[in-house]
Amino acid sequence: MTSPAVNLPSDNQAFEYLVSPSKEGQEGLFPMREISVVAGAGGSGKTTWLLQFLQTWEKHEQFFGRETNPVPYLIVMRDRSKGGFRRTCRRMHINYHDVPVYRATLAEEKLHADELLEDLHRRPEYSNVRLFVFEGLDMWIPNGNINSFNDVSYMLGSLKSKLEDLDAVLIGTVGQPKMKAHDKYALTRDCLIGTSVWSRKVETIVYVEEEDPKMLNGPRVLTILPRNGMNERTRLAFKDGRLVEIAPITKIPTAQVSEPKLFGVLRKMPMGAPVKWSIDMGIAESTFYRDIKQAEKIGLVFTHEGIRRRGSDTSELQ
């Protein structure tokens, strides 16, 4: 008995990405005709990161050393108002009028996500769109059943089918409940809100989280997880309303018996407190500026908007 034929994409279609692989044989990011997500708790910086990515990508600039492949795109908002989006743009120094954005109406919020996608694509002004960015994709789950395997699976399946019909790709933002370090999942792909079906049915996952939830306005950790590639992680911090890359945390070798006296002074300071030399530290000013560089390497100090602040070092995060 002959097995039924399976409609598989061609080689060219299967390996089309918004961001190309960095090397031959590796996987790119955000594959065409698929769903990818940017995830994080509220206030983590996922929308900020996404808007910055779109700015880089649409200018055909490199992203993490990879070539970008821009196409016409549209941001579809549901989790914030038009005014809220404009305030975000102003904070990030982005001209609101340069961003193609559409706010779903109350009537449209009653539609299924794939129905709205098709309706938008029929409109002449959006007929050429090939990337749809759904802000608050998890809010389109029928009846808000974020923990329902079947409801989430059906929504993602319907969207995937529609994307194939339209020859388009979708990136959505989704939430993630704030958890204590010991409650977090071992696999970052599973750290999405609700059911585990998200990690099983979406492709690229970008995960933004606070490095230390106890620290106000502290560094963020960005993790990029392709389905079939190596994960990448970098540290970010807010500066002038935007996210900028900062030095990674490096562990002090275990063979190192002693550490700079400055480290002990810093650990007595509250998280997020400004760090600057004073005679009360009991160390020379020249020693302070020499050892502060090592403190920055292990995350004990980070810079936010030009001001050094007390951070969490590697040992404290374990």
C-alpha atoms as a PDB file:
ATOM      1  CA  MET A   1       0.000   0.000   0.000  1.00  0.00           C
ATOM      2  CA  THR A   2       1.418   3.375  -1.028  1.00  0.00           C
ATOM      3  CA  SER A   3       1.632   6.046   1.663  1.00  0.00           C
ATOM      4  CA  PRO A   4      -0.304   9.263   0.929  1.00  0.00           C
ATOM      5  CA  ALA A   5       1.812  12.087  -0.482  1.00  0.00           C
ATOM      6  CA  VAL A   6       2.892  14.784   1.949  1.00  0.00           C
ATOM      7  CA  ASN A   7       2.915  18.381   0.670  1.00  0.00           C
ATOM      8  CA  LEU A   8       6.411  19.498   1.699  1.00  0.00           C
ATOM      9  CA  PRO A   9       7.906  22.889   0.871  1.00  0.00           C
ATOM     10  CA  SER A  10      10.624  23.030  -1.757  1.00  0.00           C
ATOM     11  CA  ASP A  11      14.260  23.428  -0.696  1.00  0.00           C
ATOM     12  CA  ASN A  12      14.142  27.097  -1.634  1.00  0.00           C
ATOM     13  CA  GLN A  13      10.992  27.703   0.420  1.00  0.00           C
ATOM     14  CA  ALA A  14      12.138  25.721   3.439  1.00  0.00           C
ATOM     15  CA  PHE A  15      15.319  27.764   3.766  1.00  0.00           C
ATOM     16  CA  GLU A  16      14.034  31.309   3.323  1.00  0.00           C
ATOM     17  CA  TYR A  17      14.571  33.487   6.393  1.00  0.00           C
ATOM     18  CA  LEU A  18      14.153  37.092   7.449  1.00  0.00           C
ATOM     19  CA  VAL A  19      17.686  36.751   8.876  1.00  0.00           C
ATOM     20  CA  SER A  20      20.091  34.522   6.963  1.00  0.00           C
ATOM     21  CA  PRO A  21      22.297  31.852   8.575  1.00  0.00           C
ATOM     22  CA  SER A  22      25.679  33.119   9.722  1.00  0.00           C
ATOM     23  CA  LYS A  23      27.373  30.106   8.120  1.00  0.00           C
ATOM     24  CA  GLU A  24      26.411  27.582   5.470  1.00  0.00           C
ATOM     25  CA  GLY A  25      24.568  24.662   7.020  1.00  0.00           C
ATOM     26  CA  GLN A  26      23.332  26.638  10.029  1.00  0.00           C
ATOM     27  CA  GLU A  27      19.756  27.744  10.554  1.00  0.00           C
ATOM     28  CA  GLY A  28      18.626  31.302   9.961  1.00  0.00           C
ATOM     29  CA  LEU A  29      16.137  33.228  12.083  1.00  0.00           C
ATOM     30  CA  PHE A  30      12.425  33.805  11.473  1.00  0.00           C
ATOM     31  CA  PRO A  31      11.779  31.357   8.592  1.00  0.00           C
ATOM     32  CA  MET A  32       9.208  32.367   5.976  1.00  0.00           C
ATOM     33  CA  ARG A  33       5.653  30.979   6.117  1.00  0.00           C
ATOM     34  CA  GLU A  34       6.173  30.186   9.808  1.00  0.00           C
ATOM     35  CA  ILE A  35       5.352  31.655  13.218  1.00  0.00           C
ATOM     36  CA  SER A  36       8.086  32.931  15.542  1.00  0.00           C
ATOM     37  CA  VAL A  37       7.744  34.755  18.849  1.00  0.00           C
ATOM     38  CA  VAL A  38       9.421  37.336  21.057  1.00  0.00           C
ATOM     39  CA  ALA A  39       8.620  36.416  24.659  1.00  0.00           C
ATOM     40  CA  GLY A  40       9.047  37.977  28.054  1.00  0.00           C
ATOM     41  CA  ALA A  41       7.246  39.236  31.123  1.00  0.00           C
ATOM     42  CA  GLY A  42       5.571  42.633  31.071  1.00  0.00           C
ATOM     43  CA  GLY A  43       8.180  45.396  31.170  1.00  0.00           C
ATOM     44  CA  SER A  44      11.050  43.076  30.243  1.00  0.00           C
ATOM     45  CA  GLY A  45      11.791  44.992  27.049  1.00  0.00           C
ATOM     46  CA  LYS A  46      10.451  42.622  24.369  1.00  0.00           C
ATOM     47  CA  THR A  47       8.670  45.377  22.392  1.00  0.00           C
ATOM     48  CA  THR A  48      11.704  47.646  22.684  1.00  0.00           C
ATOM     49  CA  TRP A  49      13.955  44.886  21.366  1.00  0.00           C
ATOM     50  CA  LEU A  50      11.511  44.014  18.572  1.00  0.00           C
ATOM     51  CA  LEU A  51      11.231  47.608  17.338  1.00  0.00           C
ATOM     52  CA  GLN A  52      15.010  47.972  17.378  1.00  0.00           C
ATOM     53  CA  PHE A  53      15.351  44.716  15.445  1.00  0.00           C
ATOM     54  CA  LEU A  54      12.845  45.899  12.829  1.00  0.00           C
ATOM     55  CA  GLN A  55      14.759  49.151  12.395  1.00  0.00           C
ATOM     56  CA  THR A  56      18.000  47.238  11.759  1.00  0.00           C
ATOM     57  CA  TRP A  57      16.350  44.618   9.564  1.00  0.00           C
ATOM     58  CA  GLU A  58      14.397  46.978   7.282  1.00  0.00           C
ATOM     59  CA  LYS A  59      17.613  48.908   6.551  1.00  0.00           C
ATOM     60  CA  HIS A  60      19.256  45.662   5.396  1.00  0.00           C
ATOM     61  CA  GLU A  61      21.881  46.030   8.150  1.00  0.00           C
ATOM     62  CA  GLN A  62      23.557  42.999   9.699  1.00  0.00           C
ATOM     63  CA  PHE A  63      22.020  41.404  12.779  1.00  0.00           C
ATOM     64  CA  PHE A  64      24.326  39.381  15.063  1.00  0.00           C
ATOM     65  CA  GLY A  65      26.722  39.079  12.130  1.00  0.00           C
ATOM     66  CA  ARG A  66      24.011  37.797   9.774  1.00  0.00           C
ATOM     67  CA  GLU A  67      22.612  39.241   6.562  1.00  0.00           C
ATOM     68  CA  THR A  68      19.025  40.483   6.754  1.00  0.00           C
ATOM     69  CA  ASN A  69      16.299  40.064   4.142  1.00  0.00           C
ATOM     70  CA  PRO A  70      13.692  42.824   4.575  1.00  0.00           C
ATOM     71  CA  VAL A  71      10.182  42.591   3.144  1.00  0.00           C
ATOM     72  CA  PRO A  72       7.149  44.898   3.523  1.00  0.00           C
ATOM     73  CA  TYR A  73       5.787  44.546   7.063  1.00  0.00           C
ATOM     74  CA  LEU A  74       2.920  45.641   9.294  1.00  0.00           C
ATOM     75  CA  ILE A  75       2.645  45.758  13.094  1.00  0.00           C
ATOM     76  CA  VAL A  76      -0.808  44.707  14.325  1.00  0.00           C
ATOM     77  CA  MET A  77      -1.425  45.896  17.887  1.00  0.00           C
ATOM     78  CA  ARG A  78      -3.795  44.516  20.460  1.00  0.00           C
ATOM     79  CA  ASP A  79      -2.027  44.823  23.809  1.00  0.00           C
ATOM     80  CA  ARG A  80      -1.591  48.603  23.780  1.00  0.00           C
ATOM     81  CA  SER A  81      -3.406  51.671  22.498  1.00  0.00           C
ATOM     82  CA  LYS A  82      -2.309  53.921  19.653  1.00  0.00           C
ATOM     83  CA  GLY A  83      -1.309  56.492  22.257  1.00  0.00           C
ATOM     84  CA  GLY A  84       0.685  53.926  24.198  1.00  0.00           C
ATOM     85  CA  PHE A  85       2.532  52.906  21.054  1.00  0.00           C
ATOM     86  CA  ARG A  86       3.337  56.536  20.231  1.00  0.00           C
ATOM     87  CA  ARG A  87       4.740  57.046  23.737  1.00  0.00           C
ATOM     88  CA  THR A  88       6.928  53.965  23.290  1.00  0.00           C
ATOM     89  CA  CYS A  89       8.220  55.366  19.989  1.00  0.00           C
ATOM     90  CA  ARG A  90       8.994  58.721  21.569  1.00  0.00           C
ATOM     91  CA  ARG A  91      10.888  57.057  24.429  1.00  0.00           C
ATOM     92  CA  MET A  92      12.939  55.179  21.827  1.00  0.00           C
ATOM     93  CA  HIS A  93      13.472  58.249  19.628  1.00  0.00           C
ATOM     94  CA  ILE A  94      11.557  56.672  16.728  1.00  0.00           C
ATOM     95  CA  ASN A  95       9.377  58.732  14.410  1.00  0.00           C
ATOM     96  CA  TYR A  96       5.930  57.183  14.897  1.00  0.00           C
ATOM     97  CA  HIS A  97       4.955  57.993  11.311  1.00  0.00           C
ATOM     98  CA  ASP A  98       7.825  55.849   9.982  1.00  0.00           C
ATOM     99  CA  VAL A  99       6.384  52.684  11.569  1.00  0.00           C
ATOM    100  CA  PRO A 100       3.644  50.792   9.661  1.00  0.00           C
ATOM    101  CA  VAL A 101       1.203  50.010  12.432  1.00  0.00           C
ATOM    102  CA  TYR A 102      -2.458  48.970  12.641  1.00  0.00           C
ATOM    103  CA  ARG A 103      -4.584  48.921  15.809  1.00  0.00           C
ATOM    104  CA  ALA A 104      -7.242  46.217  15.747  1.00  0.00           C
ATOM    105  CA  THR A 105     -10.762  47.500  16.443  1.00  0.00           C
ATOM    106  CA  LEU A 106     -13.009  46.049  19.148  1.00  0.00           C
ATOM    107  CA  ALA A 107     -15.042  44.311  16.437  1.00  0.00           C
ATOM    108  CA  GLU A 108     -11.885  42.830  14.930  1.00  0.00           C
ATOM    109  CA  GLU A 109     -10.777  41.539  18.332  1.00  0.00           C
ATOM    110  CA  LYS A 110     -13.727  39.137  18.139  1.00  0.00           C
ATOM    111  CA  LEU A 111     -12.251  37.544  14.996  1.00  0.00           C
ATOM    112  CA  HIS A 112      -9.797  34.671  14.964  1.00  0.00           C
ATOM    113  CA  ALA A 113      -6.238  35.755  14.254  1.00  0.00           C
ATOM    114  CA  ASP A 114      -6.156  34.029  10.848  1.00  0.00           C
ATOM    115  CA  GLU A 115      -9.403  35.774   9.871  1.00  0.00           C
ATOM    116  CA  LEU A 116      -7.928  39.193  10.656  1.00  0.00           C
ATOM    117  CA  LEU A 117      -4.785  38.267   8.770  1.00  0.00           C
ATOM    118  CA  GLU A 118      -6.784  37.438   5.651  1.00  0.00           C
ATOM    119  CA  ASP A 119      -8.955  40.544   5.994  1.00  0.00           C
ATOM    120  CA  LEU A 120      -5.931  42.833   6.252  1.00  0.00           C
ATOM    121  CA  HIS A 121      -4.219  41.193   3.284  1.00  0.00           C
ATOM    122  CA  ARG A 122      -7.294  41.846   1.109  1.00  0.00           C
ATOM    123  CA  ARG A 123      -7.014  45.583   1.662  1.00  0.00           C
ATOM    124  CA  PRO A 124      -5.071  47.347  -1.109  1.00  0.00           C
ATOM    125  CA  GLU A 125      -2.818  49.224   1.336  1.00  0.00           C
ATOM    126  CA  TYR A 126      -1.670  45.949   2.957  1.00  0.00           C
ATOM    127  CA  SER A 127      -1.784  43.555  -0.008  1.00  0.00           C
ATOM    128  CA  ASN A 128       2.021  43.531  -0.376  1.00  0.00           C
ATOM    129  CA  VAL A 129       2.765  42.835   3.311  1.00  0.00           C
ATOM    130  CA  ARG A 130       4.848  39.680   3.830  1.00  0.00           C
ATOM    131  CA  LEU A 131       5.718  40.103   7.531  1.00  0.00           C
ATOM    132  CA  PHE A 132       2.934  40.537  10.053  1.00  0.00           C
ATOM    133  CA  VAL A 133       4.040  41.468  13.577  1.00  0.00           C
ATOM    134  CA  PHE A 134       1.286  40.691  16.094  1.00  0.00           C
ATOM    135  CA  GLU A 135       1.799  42.608  19.354  1.00  0.00           C
ATOM    136  CA  GLY A 136       0.064  40.446  21.965  1.00  0.00           C
ATOM    137  CA  LEU A 137      -0.298  37.267  19.892  1.00  0.00           C
ATOM    138  CA  ASP A 138      -1.307  35.329  23.017  1.00  0.00           C
ATOM    139  CA  MET A 139      -4.317  37.645  23.354  1.00  0.00           C
ATOM    140  CA  TRP A 140      -5.777  36.121  20.149  1.00  0.00           C
ATOM    141  CA  ILE A 141      -6.249  32.704  21.722  1.00  0.00           C
ATOM    142  CA  PRO A 142      -9.997  31.881  21.560  1.00  0.00           C
ATOM    143  CA  ASN A 143     -11.761  32.794  24.805  1.00  0.00           C
ATOM    144  CA  GLY A 144      -8.408  33.653  26.372  1.00  0.00           C
ATOM    145  CA  ASN A 145      -7.691  29.992  27.136  1.00  0.00           C
ATOM    146  CA  ILE A 146      -3.908  30.366  27.319  1.00  0.00           C
ATOM    147  CA  ASN A 147      -3.557  27.044  29.170  1.00  0.00           C
ATOM    148  CA  SER A 148      -5.622  25.062  26.663  1.00  0.00           C
ATOM    149  CA  PHE A 149      -3.421  22.843  24.514  1.00  0.00           C
ATOM    150  CA  ASN A 150      -6.184  22.442  21.927  1.00  0.00           C
ATOM    151  CA  ASP A 151      -7.110  26.137  21.663  1.00  0.00           C
ATOM    152  CA  VAL A 152      -3.513  27.333  21.335  1.00  0.00           C
ATOM    153  CA  SER A 153      -2.660  24.511  18.928  1.00  0.00           C
ATOM    154  CA  TYR A 154      -5.683  25.310  16.745  1.00  0.00           C
ATOM    155  CA  MET A 155      -4.899  29.041  16.650  1.00  0.00           C
ATOM    156  CA  LEU A 156      -1.267  28.438  15.675  1.00  0.00           C
ATOM    157  CA  GLY A 157      -2.241  25.796  13.131  1.00  0.00           C
ATOM    158  CA  SER A 158      -4.818  28.088  11.511  1.00  0.00           C
ATOM    159  CA  LEU A 159      -2.320  30.944  11.363  1.00  0.00           C
ATOM    160  CA  LYS A 160       0.350  28.690   9.867  1.00  0.00           C
ATOM    161  CA  SER A 161      -2.024  27.567   7.131  1.00  0.00           C
ATOM    162  CA  LYS A 162      -2.982  31.159   6.329  1.00  0.00           C
ATOM    163  CA  LEU A 163       0.663  32.251   6.188  1.00  0.00           C
ATOM    164  CA  GLU A 164       1.351  29.538   3.624  1.00  0.00           C
ATOM    165  CA  ASP A 165      -1.601  30.768   1.526  1.00  0.00           C
ATOM    166  CA  LEU A 166      -0.380  34.381   1.694  1.00  0.00           C
ATOM    167  CA  ASP A 167       3.340  33.540   1.333  1.00  0.00           C
ATOM    168  CA  ALA A 168       3.950  35.558   4.515  1.00  0.00           C
ATOM    169  CA  VAL A 169       5.622  35.203   7.912  1.00  0.00           C
ATOM    170  CA  LEU A 170       4.475  36.184  11.405  1.00  0.00           C
ATOM    171  CA  ILE A 171       6.365  37.312  14.502  1.00  0.00           C
ATOM    172  CA  GLY A 172       4.268  37.682  17.635  1.00  0.00           C
ATOM    173  CA  THR A 173       4.973  38.934  21.129  1.00  0.00           C
ATOM    174  CA  VAL A 174       3.788  36.720  23.963  1.00  0.00           C
ATOM    175  CA  GLY A 175       3.872  37.061  27.709  1.00  0.00           C
ATOM    176  CA  GLN A 176       5.668  35.062  30.320  1.00  0.00           C
ATOM    177  CA  PRO A 177       4.714  34.995  33.991  1.00  0.00           C
ATOM    178  CA  LYS A 178       7.299  36.420  36.363  1.00  0.00           C
ATOM    179  CA  MET A 179       8.934  33.535  38.204  1.00  0.00           C
ATOM    180  CA  LYS A 180      11.551  33.133  40.890  1.00  0.00           C
ATOM    181  CA  ALA A 181      14.861  31.673  39.740  1.00  0.00           C
ATOM    182  CA  HIS A 182      14.187  28.229  41.257  1.00  0.00           C
ATOM    183  CA  ASP A 183      10.754  28.072  39.551  1.00  0.00           C
ATOM    184  CA  LYS A 184      12.039  28.644  36.017  1.00  0.00           C
ATOM    185  CA  TYR A 185      12.043  25.897  33.409  1.00  0.00           C
ATOM    186  CA  ALA A 186      15.401  24.389  32.526  1.00  0.00           C
ATOM    187  CA  LEU A 187      14.690  24.784  28.789  1.00  0.00           C
ATOM    188  CA  THR A 188      14.098  28.403  27.780  1.00  0.00           C
ATOM    189  CA  ARG A 189      11.819  27.338  24.894  1.00  0.00           C
ATOM    190  CA  ASP A 190       9.310  26.225  27.534  1.00  0.00           C
ATOM    191  CA  CYS A 191       9.325  29.557  29.394  1.00  0.00           C
ATOM    192  CA  LEU A 192       6.283  30.906  27.519  1.00  0.00           C
ATOM    193  CA  ILE A 193       2.917  31.735  28.985  1.00  0.00           C
ATOM    194  CA  GLY A 194       0.385  28.912  29.233  1.00  0.00           C
ATOM    195  CA  THR A 195       0.686  25.561  27.482  1.00  0.00           C
ATOM    196  CA  SER A 196       3.894  23.988  26.157  1.00  0.00           C
ATOM    197  CA  VAL A 197       2.389  23.843  22.665  1.00  0.00           C
ATOM    198  CA  TRP A 198       3.979  27.240  21.955  1.00  0.00           C
ATOM    199  CA  SER A 199       7.512  25.842  22.046  1.00  0.00           C
ATOM    200  CA  ARG A 200       6.460  22.868  19.925  1.00  0.00           C
ATOM    201  CA  LYS A 201       4.703  24.775  17.129  1.00  0.00           C
ATOM    202  CA  VAL A 202       6.682  28.000  16.698  1.00  0.00           C
ATOM    203  CA  GLU A 203      10.101  28.368  15.099  1.00  0.00           C
ATOM    204  CA  THR A 204      12.530  31.066  16.310  1.00  0.00           C
ATOM    205  CA  ILE A 205      11.987  32.145  19.915  1.00  0.00           C
ATOM    206  CA  VAL A 206      13.553  35.346  21.241  1.00  0.00           C
ATOM    207  CA  TYR A 207      13.357  35.506  25.024  1.00  0.00           C
ATOM    208  CA  VAL A 208      13.944  38.707  27.021  1.00  0.00           C
ATOM    209  CA  GLU A 209      14.158  38.569  30.797  1.00  0.00           C
ATOM    210  CA  GLU A 210      15.449  40.585  33.730  1.00  0.00           C
ATOM    211  CA  GLU A 211      18.844  39.351  34.878  1.00  0.00           C
ATOM    212  CA  ASP A 212      17.903  40.011  38.491  1.00  0.00           C
ATOM    213  CA  PRO A 213      14.197  40.761  39.182  1.00  0.00           C
ATOM    214  CA  LYS A 214      15.179  42.376  42.509  1.00  0.00           C
ATOM    215  CA  MET A 215      17.094  45.107  40.687  1.00  0.00           C
ATOM    216  CA  LEU A 216      15.083  48.054  39.396  1.00  0.00           C
ATOM    217  CA  ASN A 217      15.995  48.904  35.779  1.00  0.00           C
ATOM    218  CA  GLY A 218      18.786  46.335  35.841  1.00  0.00           C
ATOM    219  CA  PRO A 219      20.357  44.452  32.922  1.00  0.00           C
ATOM    220  CA  ARG A 220      18.335  42.185  30.626  1.00  0.00           C
ATOM    221  CA  VAL A 221      19.335  38.813  29.246  1.00  0.00           C
ATOM    222  CA  LEU A 222      18.442  38.182  25.596  1.00  0.00           C
ATOM    223  CA  THR A 223      18.330  34.571  24.421  1.00  0.00           C
ATOM    224  CA  ILE A 224      17.769  33.641  20.767  1.00  0.00           C
ATOM    225  CA  LEU A 225      16.589  30.067  20.212  1.00  0.00           C
ATOM    226  CA  PRO A 226      16.325  28.746  16.649  1.00  0.00           C
ATOM    227  CA  ARG A 227      14.519  25.430  16.456  1.00  0.00           C
ATOM    228  CA  ASN A 228      17.458  23.698  14.753  1.00  0.00           C
ATOM    229  CA  GLY A 229      20.426  25.844  15.666  1.00  0.00           C
ATOM    230  CA  MET A 230      22.709  26.861  18.487  1.00  0.00           C
ATOM    231  CA  ASN A 231      21.228  29.164  21.108  1.00  0.00           C
ATOM    232  CA  GLU A 232      22.737  32.614  21.550  1.00  0.00           C
ATOM    233  CA  ARG A 233      22.716  34.799  24.640  1.00  0.00           C
ATOM    234  CA  THR A 234      23.742  38.374  25.303  1.00  0.00           C
ATOM    235  CA  ARG A 235      23.316  40.982  28.055  1.00  0.00           C
ATOM    236  CA  LEU A 236      21.521  44.256  27.450  1.00  0.00           C
ATOM    237  CA  ALA A 237      20.818  47.402  29.426  1.00  0.00           C
ATOM    238  CA  PHE A 238      18.542  50.383  28.868  1.00  0.00           C
ATOM    239  CA  LYS A 239      20.317  53.538  27.761  1.00  0.00           C
ATOM    240  CA  ASP A 240      18.536  56.652  26.543  1.00  0.00           C
ATOM    241  CA  GLY A 241      15.275  54.729  26.113  1.00  0.00           C
ATOM    242  CA  ARG A 242      16.778  51.895  24.080  1.00  0.00           C
ATOM    243  CA  LEU A 243      18.497  48.565  24.728  1.00  0.00           C
ATOM    244  CA  VAL A 244      22.258  48.391  24.230  1.00  0.00           C
ATOM    245  CA  GLU A 245      24.614  45.425  24.488  1.00  0.00           C
ATOM    246  CA  ILE A 246      26.806  45.270  27.587  1.00  0.00           C
ATOM    247  CA  ALA A 247      29.716  43.056  28.645  1.00  0.00           C
ATOM    248  CA  PRO A 248      28.892  39.404  29.381  1.00  0.00           C
ATOM    249  CA  ILE A 249      29.272  37.955  32.853  1.00  0.00           C
ATOM    250  CA  THR A 250      32.410  35.861  33.224  1.00  0.00           C
ATOM    251  CA  LYS A 251      33.141  33.603  36.180  1.00  0.00           C
ATOM    252  CA  ILE A 252      36.205  34.193  38.320  1.00  0.00           C
ATOM    253  CA  PRO A 253      38.524  31.156  38.036  1.00  0.00           C
ATOM    254  CA  THR A 254      38.132  28.878  41.034  1.00  0.00           C
ATOM    255  CA  ALA A 255      41.905  28.824  41.470  1.00  0.00           C
ATOM    256  CA  GLN A 256      41.867  32.523  42.318  1.00  0.00           C
ATOM    257  CA  VAL A 257      42.235  32.604  46.090  1.00  0.00           C
ATOM    258  CA  SER A 258      41.789  36.303  46.745  1.00  0.00           C
ATOM    259  CA  GLU A 259      39.772  39.023  45.083  1.00  0.00           C
ATOM    260  CA  PRO A 260      40.056  42.791  44.973  1.00  0.00           C
ATOM    261  CA  LYS A 261      39.017  44.617  48.140  1.00  0.00           C
ATOM    262  CA  LEU A 262      36.636  46.658  45.992  1.00  0.00           C
ATOM    263  CA  PHE A 263      34.440  43.584  45.498  1.00  0.00           C
ATOM    264  CA  GLY A 264      33.715  43.333  49.212  1.00  0.00           C
ATOM    265  CA  VAL A 265      32.847  47.039  49.323  1.00  0.00           C
ATOM    266  CA  LEU A 266      30.481  46.645  46.367  1.00  0.00           C
ATOM    267  CA  ARG A 267      28.674  43.620  47.840  1.00  0.00           C
ATOM    268  CA  LYS A 268      27.716  45.678  50.884  1.00  0.00           C
ATOM    269  CA  MET A 269      25.936  48.191  48.651  1.00  0.00           C
ATOM    270  CA  PRO A 270      22.234  47.772  47.788  1.00  0.00           C
ATOM    271  CA  MET A 271      21.304  46.492  44.331  1.00  0.00           C
ATOM    272  CA  GLY A 272      21.164  49.253  41.758  1.00  0.00           C
ATOM    273  CA  ALA A 273      22.958  51.819  43.939  1.00  0.00           C
ATOM    274  CA  PRO A 274      25.254  54.266  42.095  1.00  0.00           C
ATOM    275  CA  VAL A 275      28.913  53.259  42.231  1.00  0.00           C
ATOM    276  CA  LYS A 276      31.623  55.905  42.377  1.00  0.00           C
ATOM    277  CA  TRP A 277      34.896  56.222  44.240  1.00  0.00           C
ATOM    278  CA  SER A 278      34.998  57.827  47.653  1.00  0.00           C
ATOM    279  CA  ILE A 279      37.693  57.973  50.310  1.00  0.00           C
ATOM    280  CA  ASP A 280      35.368  56.094  52.684  1.00  0.00           C
ATOM    281  CA  MET A 281      35.922  52.930  50.602  1.00  0.00           C
ATOM    282  CA  GLY A 282      39.353  52.565  52.097  1.00  0.00           C
ATOM    283  CA  ILE A 283      41.052  52.018  48.757  1.00  0.00           C
ATOM    284  CA  ALA A 284      43.071  54.325  46.547  1.00  0.00           C
ATOM    285  CA  GLU A 285      41.269  56.030  43.679  1.00  0.00           C
ATOM    286  CA  SER A 286      43.698  54.483  41.181  1.00  0.00           C
ATOM    287  CA  THR A 287      42.927  51.030  42.629  1.00  0.00           C
ATOM    288  CA  PHE A 288      39.190  51.678  42.301  1.00  0.00           C
ATOM    289  CA  TYR A 289      39.435  52.451  38.584  1.00  0.00           C
ATOM    290  CA  ARG A 290      41.717  49.461  38.011  1.00  0.00           C
ATOM    291  CA  ASP A 291      39.460  46.936  39.768  1.00  0.00           C
ATOM    292  CA  ILE A 292      36.141  48.344  38.572  1.00  0.00           C
ATOM    293  CA  LYS A 293      36.826  46.822  35.147  1.00  0.00           C
ATOM    294  CA  GLN A 294      36.998  43.342  36.680  1.00  0.00           C
ATOM    295  CA  ALA A 295      33.809  44.042  38.640  1.00  0.00           C
ATOM    296  CA  GLU A 296      32.051  44.896  35.358  1.00  0.00           C
ATOM    297  CA  LYS A 297      33.221  41.641  33.750  1.00  0.00           C
ATOM    298  CA  ILE A 298      31.498  39.502  36.384  1.00  0.00           C
ATOM    299  CA  GLY A 299      28.358  41.664  36.499  1.00  0.00           C
ATOM    300  CA  LEU A 300      29.050  43.090  39.959  1.00  0.00           C
ATOM    301  CA  VAL A 301      28.813  46.529  38.334  1.00  0.00           C
ATOM    302  CA  PHE A 302      26.846  47.561  35.248  1.00  0.00           C
ATOM    303  CA  THR A 303      26.363  50.892  33.512  1.00  0.00           C
ATOM    304  CA  HIS A 304      22.867  52.325  33.029  1.00  0.00           C
ATOM    305  CA  GLU A 305      22.460  55.631  31.176  1.00  0.00           C
ATOM    306  CA  GLY A 306      26.067  56.549  31.831  1.00  0.00           C
ATOM    307  CA  ILE A 307      25.998  55.764  35.563  1.00  0.00           C
ATOM    308  CA  ARG A 308      27.763  52.767  37.120  1.00  0.00           C
ATOM    309  CA  ARG A 309      25.445  50.807  39.422  1.00  0.00           C
ATOM    310  CA  ARG A 310      25.694  47.814  41.750  1.00  0.00           C
ATOM    311  CA  GLY A 311      24.784  44.605  39.912  1.00  0.00           C
ATOM    312  CA  SER A 312      24.560  40.882  40.642  1.00  0.00           C
ATOM    313  CA  ASP A 313      27.768  38.912  40.229  1.00  0.00           C
ATOM    314  CA  THR A 314      27.882  35.331  38.981  1.00  0.00           C
ATOM    315  CA  SER A 315      27.992  33.717  42.422  1.00  0.00           C
ATOM    316  CA  GLU A 316      24.940  35.644  43.606  1.00  0.00           C
ATOM    317  CA  LEU A 317      22.877  34.501  40.611  1.00  0.00           C
ATOM    318  CA  GLN A 318      23.561  30.818  41.174  1.00  0.00           C
END
